[in-house]
Amino acid sequence: MKTAVSIPDAVFQAAERLAERRRCSRSRLYTQALQLLLAAADADEVTTRLDTVYAREPSELSPALRTAQHRALNESW
């Protein structure tokens, strides 16, 4: 899809230099940048949701599970 956006001159020039160094088109560079930004936003959303869950629910292990994990780790060494 074609679209028009306005960006500061300095950002545009830096992007042009990066695209040239990477030997990719401006469209490809902007697509990759947006993909990274979207992935980071998704990761932030997951973190926020987990924080909400752990704010309501205890996150520590039960004593029995902690003991079992400790034994399993010691046996593997």
PDB file of N, CA and C in Angstrom:
ATOM      1  N   MET A   1       0.845  -1.162   0.000  1.00  0.00           N
ATOM      2  CA  MET A   1       0.000   0.000   0.000  1.00  0.00           C
ATOM      3  C   MET A   1       0.899   1.237   0.000  1.00  0.00           C
ATOM      4  N   LYS A   2       0.543   2.178  -0.796  1.00  0.00           N
ATOM      5  CA  LYS A   2       1.286   3.435  -0.819  1.00  0.00           C
ATOM      6  C   LYS A   2       0.649   4.398   0.163  1.00  0.00           C
ATOM      7  N   THR A   3       1.507   5.162   0.824  1.00  0.00           N
ATOM      8  CA  THR A   3       1.031   6.161   1.766  1.00  0.00           C
ATOM      9  C   THR A   3       2.023   7.301   1.808  1.00  0.00           C
ATOM     10  N   ALA A   4       1.591   8.434   2.279  1.00  0.00           N
ATOM     11  CA  ALA A   4       2.477   9.587   2.427  1.00  0.00           C
ATOM     12  C   ALA A   4       2.532   9.950   3.904  1.00  0.00           C
ATOM     13  N   VAL A   5       3.722  10.144   4.403  1.00  0.00           N
ATOM     14  CA  VAL A   5       3.914  10.550   5.797  1.00  0.00           C
ATOM     15  C   VAL A   5       4.905  11.698   5.845  1.00  0.00           C
ATOM     16  N   SER A   6       4.824  12.466   6.882  1.00  0.00           N
ATOM     17  CA  SER A   6       5.778  13.554   7.096  1.00  0.00           C
ATOM     18  C   SER A   6       6.704  13.167   8.229  1.00  0.00           C
ATOM     19  N   ILE A   7       8.005  13.283   7.996  1.00  0.00           N
ATOM     20  CA  ILE A   7       8.991  13.007   9.032  1.00  0.00           C
ATOM     21  C   ILE A   7      10.022  14.131   9.016  1.00  0.00           C
ATOM     22  N   PRO A   8      10.674  14.366  10.126  1.00  0.00           N
ATOM     23  CA  PRO A   8      11.693  15.420  10.175  1.00  0.00           C
ATOM     24  C   PRO A   8      12.818  15.138   9.175  1.00  0.00           C
ATOM     25  N   ASP A   9      13.374  16.201   8.630  1.00  0.00           N
ATOM     26  CA  ASP A   9      14.449  16.071   7.643  1.00  0.00           C
ATOM     27  C   ASP A   9      15.608  15.228   8.150  1.00  0.00           C
ATOM     28  N   ALA A  10      16.003  15.437   9.405  1.00  0.00           N
ATOM     29  CA  ALA A  10      17.149  14.697   9.952  1.00  0.00           C
ATOM     30  C   ALA A  10      16.864  13.199   9.996  1.00  0.00           C
ATOM     31  N   VAL A  11      15.650  12.820  10.337  1.00  0.00           N
ATOM     32  CA  VAL A  11      15.279  11.405  10.380  1.00  0.00           C
ATOM     33  C   VAL A  11      15.286  10.832   8.964  1.00  0.00           C
ATOM     34  N   PHE A  12      14.746  11.589   8.026  1.00  0.00           N
ATOM     35  CA  PHE A  12      14.732  11.148   6.632  1.00  0.00           C
ATOM     36  C   PHE A  12      16.148  10.920   6.120  1.00  0.00           C
ATOM     37  N   GLN A  13      17.044  11.869   6.369  1.00  0.00           N
ATOM     38  CA  GLN A  13      18.418  11.743   5.891  1.00  0.00           C
ATOM     39  C   GLN A  13      19.125  10.549   6.539  1.00  0.00           C
ATOM     40  N   ALA A  14      18.913  10.360   7.821  1.00  0.00           N
ATOM     41  CA  ALA A  14      19.521   9.215   8.507  1.00  0.00           C
ATOM     42  C   ALA A  14      18.985   7.911   7.932  1.00  0.00           C
ATOM     43  N   ALA A  15      17.701   7.866   7.635  1.00  0.00           N
ATOM     44  CA  ALA A  15      17.100   6.662   7.049  1.00  0.00           C
ATOM     45  C   ALA A  15      17.662   6.409   5.654  1.00  0.00           C
ATOM     46  N   GLU A  16      17.849   7.465   4.886  1.00  0.00           N
ATOM     47  CA  GLU A  16      18.431   7.318   3.546  1.00  0.00           C
ATOM     48  C   GLU A  16      19.832   6.715   3.633  1.00  0.00           C
ATOM     49  N   ARG A  17      20.630   7.216   4.577  1.00  0.00           N
ATOM     50  CA  ARG A  17      21.997   6.690   4.739  1.00  0.00           C
ATOM     51  C   ARG A  17      21.967   5.221   5.164  1.00  0.00           C
ATOM     52  N   LEU A  18      21.067   4.894   6.083  1.00  0.00           N
ATOM     53  CA  LEU A  18      20.974   3.515   6.548  1.00  0.00           C
ATOM     54  C   LEU A  18      20.517   2.585   5.423  1.00  0.00           C
ATOM     55  N   ALA A  19      19.540   2.999   4.655  1.00  0.00           N
ATOM     56  CA  ALA A  19      19.075   2.187   3.531  1.00  0.00           C
ATOM     57  C   ALA A  19      20.212   1.959   2.536  1.00  0.00           C
ATOM     58  N   GLU A  20      20.998   2.979   2.303  1.00  0.00           N
ATOM     59  CA  GLU A  20      22.130   2.838   1.380  1.00  0.00           C
ATOM     60  C   GLU A  20      23.160   1.857   1.937  1.00  0.00           C
ATOM     61  N   ARG A  21      23.473   1.990   3.236  1.00  0.00           N
ATOM     62  CA  ARG A  21      24.442   1.069   3.846  1.00  0.00           C
ATOM     63  C   ARG A  21      23.945  -0.367   3.818  1.00  0.00           C
ATOM     64  N   ARG A  22      22.657  -0.549   4.023  1.00  0.00           N
ATOM     65  CA  ARG A  22      22.074  -1.896   4.032  1.00  0.00           C
ATOM     66  C   ARG A  22      21.746  -2.391   2.626  1.00  0.00           C
ATOM     67  N   ARG A  23      21.887  -1.503   1.675  1.00  0.00           N
ATOM     68  CA  ARG A  23      21.568  -1.830   0.274  1.00  0.00           C
ATOM     69  C   ARG A  23      20.145  -2.338   0.131  1.00  0.00           C
ATOM     70  N   CYS A  24      19.235  -1.578   0.748  1.00  0.00           N
ATOM     71  CA  CYS A  24      17.820  -1.921   0.626  1.00  0.00           C
ATOM     72  C   CYS A  24      17.039  -0.671   0.253  1.00  0.00           C
ATOM     73  N   SER A  25      15.840  -0.875  -0.203  1.00  0.00           N
ATOM     74  CA  SER A  25      15.010   0.266  -0.584  1.00  0.00           C
ATOM     75  C   SER A  25      14.515   0.999   0.657  1.00  0.00           C
ATOM     76  N   ARG A  26      14.119   2.226   0.450  1.00  0.00           N
ATOM     77  CA  ARG A  26      13.536   3.015   1.530  1.00  0.00           C
ATOM     78  C   ARG A  26      12.271   2.312   2.028  1.00  0.00           C
ATOM     79  N   SER A  27      11.482   1.796   1.135  1.00  0.00           N
ATOM     80  CA  SER A  27      10.248   1.097   1.538  1.00  0.00           C
ATOM     81  C   SER A  27      10.561  -0.098   2.423  1.00  0.00           C
ATOM     82  N   ARG A  28      11.577  -0.863   2.048  1.00  0.00           N
ATOM     83  CA  ARG A  28      11.957  -2.033   2.848  1.00  0.00           C
ATOM     84  C   ARG A  28      12.454  -1.603   4.226  1.00  0.00           C
ATOM     85  N   LEU A  29      13.258  -0.557   4.271  1.00  0.00           N
ATOM     86  CA  LEU A  29      13.776  -0.066   5.544  1.00  0.00           C
ATOM     87  C   LEU A  29      12.640   0.383   6.460  1.00  0.00           C
ATOM     88  N   TYR A  30      11.703   1.159   5.918  1.00  0.00           N
ATOM     89  CA  TYR A  30      10.594   1.643   6.737  1.00  0.00           C
ATOM     90  C   TYR A  30       9.701   0.483   7.182  1.00  0.00           C
ATOM     91  N   THR A  31       9.526  -0.514   6.322  1.00  0.00           N
ATOM     92  CA  THR A  31       8.742  -1.694   6.689  1.00  0.00           C
ATOM     93  C   THR A  31       9.404  -2.433   7.845  1.00  0.00           C
ATOM     94  N   GLN A  32      10.713  -2.634   7.758  1.00  0.00           N
ATOM     95  CA  GLN A  32      11.431  -3.317   8.835  1.00  0.00           C
ATOM     96  C   GLN A  32      11.349  -2.528  10.140  1.00  0.00           C
ATOM     97  N   ALA A  33      11.486  -1.219  10.050  1.00  0.00           N
ATOM     98  CA  ALA A  33      11.421  -0.380  11.253  1.00  0.00           C
ATOM     99  C   ALA A  33      10.047  -0.481  11.908  1.00  0.00           C
ATOM    100  N   LEU A  34       9.003  -0.438  11.102  1.00  0.00           N
ATOM    101  CA  LEU A  34       7.657  -0.553  11.655  1.00  0.00           C
ATOM    102  C   LEU A  34       7.408  -1.941  12.242  1.00  0.00           C
ATOM    103  N   GLN A  35       7.931  -2.966  11.595  1.00  0.00           N
ATOM    104  CA  GLN A  35       7.780  -4.322  12.139  1.00  0.00           C
ATOM    105  C   GLN A  35       8.438  -4.436  13.511  1.00  0.00           C
ATOM    106  N   LEU A  36       9.617  -3.858  13.659  1.00  0.00           N
ATOM    107  CA  LEU A  36      10.290  -3.886  14.957  1.00  0.00           C
ATOM    108  C   LEU A  36       9.498  -3.113  16.010  1.00  0.00           C
ATOM    109  N   LEU A  37       8.984  -1.966  15.642  1.00  0.00           N
ATOM    110  CA  LEU A  37       8.201  -1.160  16.573  1.00  0.00           C
ATOM    111  C   LEU A  37       6.927  -1.891  16.985  1.00  0.00           C
ATOM    112  N   LEU A  38       6.252  -2.514  16.024  1.00  0.00           N
ATOM    113  CA  LEU A  38       5.031  -3.257  16.334  1.00  0.00           C
ATOM    114  C   LEU A  38       5.315  -4.467  17.221  1.00  0.00           C
ATOM    115  N   ALA A  39       6.415  -5.162  16.964  1.00  0.00           N
ATOM    116  CA  ALA A  39       6.785  -6.307  17.801  1.00  0.00           C
ATOM    117  C   ALA A  39       7.082  -5.855  19.227  1.00  0.00           C
ATOM    118  N   ALA A  40       7.771  -4.733  19.365  1.00  0.00           N
ATOM    119  CA  ALA A  40       8.074  -4.209  20.701  1.00  0.00           C
ATOM    120  C   ALA A  40       6.795  -3.812  21.425  1.00  0.00           C
ATOM    121  N   ALA A  41       5.858  -3.228  20.700  1.00  0.00           N
ATOM    122  CA  ALA A  41       4.582  -2.836  21.312  1.00  0.00           C
ATOM    123  C   ALA A  41       3.812  -4.076  21.772  1.00  0.00           C
ATOM    124  N   ASP A  42       3.840  -5.140  20.965  1.00  0.00           N
ATOM    125  CA  ASP A  42       3.185  -6.389  21.362  1.00  0.00           C
ATOM    126  C   ASP A  42       3.834  -6.961  22.619  1.00  0.00           C
ATOM    127  N   ALA A  43       5.160  -6.925  22.677  1.00  0.00           N
ATOM    128  CA  ALA A  43       5.874  -7.436  23.848  1.00  0.00           C
ATOM    129  C   ALA A  43       5.520  -6.612  25.085  1.00  0.00           C
ATOM    130  N   ASP A  44       5.421  -5.293  24.915  1.00  0.00           N
ATOM    131  CA  ASP A  44       5.038  -4.435  26.038  1.00  0.00           C
ATOM    132  C   ASP A  44       3.636  -4.777  26.525  1.00  0.00           C
ATOM    133  N   GLU A  45       2.741  -5.076  25.594  1.00  0.00           N
ATOM    134  CA  GLU A  45       1.372  -5.421  25.977  1.00  0.00           C
ATOM    135  C   GLU A  45       1.343  -6.734  26.763  1.00  0.00           C
ATOM    136  N   VAL A  46       2.131  -7.701  26.330  1.00  0.00           N
ATOM    137  CA  VAL A  46       2.206  -8.981  27.054  1.00  0.00           C
ATOM    138  C   VAL A  46       2.743  -8.746  28.460  1.00  0.00           C
ATOM    139  N   THR A  47       3.782  -7.940  28.575  1.00  0.00           N
ATOM    140  CA  THR A  47       4.354  -7.638  29.887  1.00  0.00           C
ATOM    141  C   THR A  47       3.322  -6.964  30.781  1.00  0.00           C
ATOM    142  N   THR A  48       2.581  -6.022  30.230  1.00  0.00           N
ATOM    143  CA  THR A  48       1.555  -5.323  30.999  1.00  0.00           C
ATOM    144  C   THR A  48       0.482  -6.298  31.483  1.00  0.00           C
ATOM    145  N   ARG A  49       0.079  -7.206  30.607  1.00  0.00           N
ATOM    146  CA  ARG A  49      -0.932  -8.193  31.001  1.00  0.00           C
ATOM    147  C   ARG A  49      -0.402  -9.128  32.087  1.00  0.00           C
ATOM    148  N   LEU A  50       0.840  -9.568  31.944  1.00  0.00           N
ATOM    149  CA  LEU A  50       1.421 -10.435  32.978  1.00  0.00           C
ATOM    150  C   LEU A  50       1.555  -9.697  34.298  1.00  0.00           C
ATOM    151  N   ASP A  51       1.961  -8.431  34.243  1.00  0.00           N
ATOM    152  CA  ASP A  51       2.050  -7.635  35.465  1.00  0.00           C
ATOM    153  C   ASP A  51       0.696  -7.553  36.161  1.00  0.00           C
ATOM    154  N   THR A  52      -0.365  -7.420  35.380  1.00  0.00           N
ATOM    155  CA  THR A  52      -1.713  -7.353  35.942  1.00  0.00           C
ATOM    156  C   THR A  52      -2.081  -8.668  36.626  1.00  0.00           C
ATOM    157  N   VAL A  53      -1.771  -9.767  35.976  1.00  0.00           N
ATOM    158  CA  VAL A  53      -2.064 -11.082  36.565  1.00  0.00           C
ATOM    159  C   VAL A  53      -1.286 -11.266  37.855  1.00  0.00           C
ATOM    160  N   TYR A  54       0.019 -10.986  37.829  1.00  0.00           N
ATOM    161  CA  TYR A  54       0.846 -11.230  39.007  1.00  0.00           C
ATOM    162  C   TYR A  54       0.588 -10.220  40.124  1.00  0.00           C
ATOM    163  N   ALA A  55      -0.062  -9.121  39.819  1.00  0.00           N
ATOM    164  CA  ALA A  55      -0.454  -8.185  40.869  1.00  0.00           C
ATOM    165  C   ALA A  55      -1.608  -8.755  41.685  1.00  0.00           C
ATOM    166  N   ARG A  56      -2.400  -9.630  41.037  1.00  0.00           N
ATOM    167  CA  ARG A  56      -3.560 -10.234  41.713  1.00  0.00           C
ATOM    168  C   ARG A  56      -3.264 -11.594  42.300  1.00  0.00           C
ATOM    169  N   GLU A  57      -2.384 -12.324  41.688  1.00  0.00           N
ATOM    170  CA  GLU A  57      -2.102 -13.698  42.077  1.00  0.00           C
ATOM    171  C   GLU A  57      -0.692 -13.805  42.649  1.00  0.00           C
ATOM    172  N   PRO A  58      -0.506 -14.638  43.642  1.00  0.00           N
ATOM    173  CA  PRO A  58       0.852 -14.820  44.166  1.00  0.00           C
ATOM    174  C   PRO A  58       1.735 -15.475  43.103  1.00  0.00           C
ATOM    175  N   SER A  59       2.965 -15.036  43.037  1.00  0.00           N
ATOM    176  CA  SER A  59       3.866 -15.577  42.012  1.00  0.00           C
ATOM    177  C   SER A  59       4.950 -16.473  42.589  1.00  0.00           C
ATOM    178  N   GLU A  60       4.953 -16.628  43.910  1.00  0.00           N
ATOM    179  CA  GLU A  60       5.987 -17.482  44.498  1.00  0.00           C
ATOM    180  C   GLU A  60       5.577 -18.950  44.381  1.00  0.00           C
ATOM    181  N   LEU A  61       6.588 -19.789  44.371  1.00  0.00           N
ATOM    182  CA  LEU A  61       6.344 -21.227  44.287  1.00  0.00           C
ATOM    183  C   LEU A  61       5.874 -21.767  45.626  1.00  0.00           C
ATOM    184  N   SER A  62       5.094 -22.812  45.567  1.00  0.00           N
ATOM    185  CA  SER A  62       4.698 -23.468  46.805  1.00  0.00           C
ATOM    186  C   SER A  62       5.945 -24.135  47.385  1.00  0.00           C
ATOM    187  N   PRO A  63       6.007 -24.307  48.698  1.00  0.00           N
ATOM    188  CA  PRO A  63       7.185 -24.952  49.308  1.00  0.00           C
ATOM    189  C   PRO A  63       7.462 -26.340  48.728  1.00  0.00           C
ATOM    190  N   ALA A  64       6.423 -27.120  48.444  1.00  0.00           N
ATOM    191  CA  ALA A  64       6.626 -28.467  47.901  1.00  0.00           C
ATOM    192  C   ALA A  64       7.241 -28.399  46.500  1.00  0.00           C
ATOM    193  N   LEU A  65       6.774 -27.496  45.664  1.00  0.00           N
ATOM    194  CA  LEU A  65       7.318 -27.364  44.320  1.00  0.00           C
ATOM    195  C   LEU A  65       8.746 -26.833  44.361  1.00  0.00           C
ATOM    196  N   ARG A  66       8.994 -25.896  45.251  1.00  0.00           N
ATOM    197  CA  ARG A  66      10.355 -25.362  45.394  1.00  0.00           C
ATOM    198  C   ARG A  66      11.325 -26.476  45.784  1.00  0.00           C
ATOM    199  N   THR A  67      10.914 -27.328  46.727  1.00  0.00           N
ATOM    200  CA  THR A  67      11.753 -28.453  47.156  1.00  0.00           C
ATOM    201  C   THR A  67      11.983 -29.429  46.005  1.00  0.00           C
ATOM    202  N   ALA A  68      10.931 -29.740  45.251  1.00  0.00           N
ATOM    203  CA  ALA A  68      11.056 -30.670  44.121  1.00  0.00           C
ATOM    204  C   ALA A  68      11.989 -30.101  43.056  1.00  0.00           C
ATOM    205  N   GLN A  69      11.876 -28.821  42.781  1.00  0.00           N
ATOM    206  CA  GLN A  69      12.771 -28.213  41.792  1.00  0.00           C
ATOM    207  C   GLN A  69      14.213 -28.242  42.278  1.00  0.00           C
ATOM    208  N   HIS A  70      14.402 -27.949  43.541  1.00  0.00           N
ATOM    209  CA  HIS A  70      15.753 -27.952  44.108  1.00  0.00           C
ATOM    210  C   HIS A  70      16.370 -29.347  44.001  1.00  0.00           C
ATOM    211  N   ARG A  71      15.596 -30.355  44.335  1.00  0.00           N
ATOM    212  CA  ARG A  71      16.092 -31.732  44.224  1.00  0.00           C
ATOM    213  C   ARG A  71      16.418 -32.077  42.784  1.00  0.00           C
ATOM    214  N   ALA A  72      15.547 -31.733  41.856  1.00  0.00           N
ATOM    215  CA  ALA A  72      15.762 -32.052  40.445  1.00  0.00           C
ATOM    216  C   ALA A  72      17.014 -31.356  39.930  1.00  0.00           C
ATOM    217  N   LEU A  73      17.241 -30.129  40.329  1.00  0.00           N
ATOM    218  CA  LEU A  73      18.439 -29.420  39.879  1.00  0.00           C
ATOM    219  C   LEU A  73      19.696 -30.030  40.456  1.00  0.00           C
ATOM    220  N   ASN A  74      19.641 -30.405  41.719  1.00  0.00           N
ATOM    221  CA  ASN A  74      20.806 -31.019  42.362  1.00  0.00           C
ATOM    222  C   ASN A  74      21.127 -32.373  41.754  1.00  0.00           C
ATOM    223  N   GLU A  75      20.094 -33.135  41.362  1.00  0.00           N
ATOM    224  CA  GLU A  75      20.320 -34.434  40.760  1.00  0.00           C
ATOM    225  C   GLU A  75      20.921 -34.314  39.363  1.00  0.00           C
ATOM    226  N   SER A  76      20.629 -33.245  38.672  1.00  0.00           N
ATOM    227  CA  SER A  76      21.131 -33.085  37.309  1.00  0.00           C
ATOM    228  C   SER A  76      22.588 -32.632  37.285  1.00  0.00           C
ATOM    229  N   TRP A  77      23.097 -32.162  38.406  1.00  0.00           N
ATOM    230  CA  TRP A  77      24.500 -31.704  38.459  1.00  0.00           C
ATOM    231  C   TRP A  77      25.321 -32.852  38.854  1.00  0.00           C
TER     232      TRP A  77
END
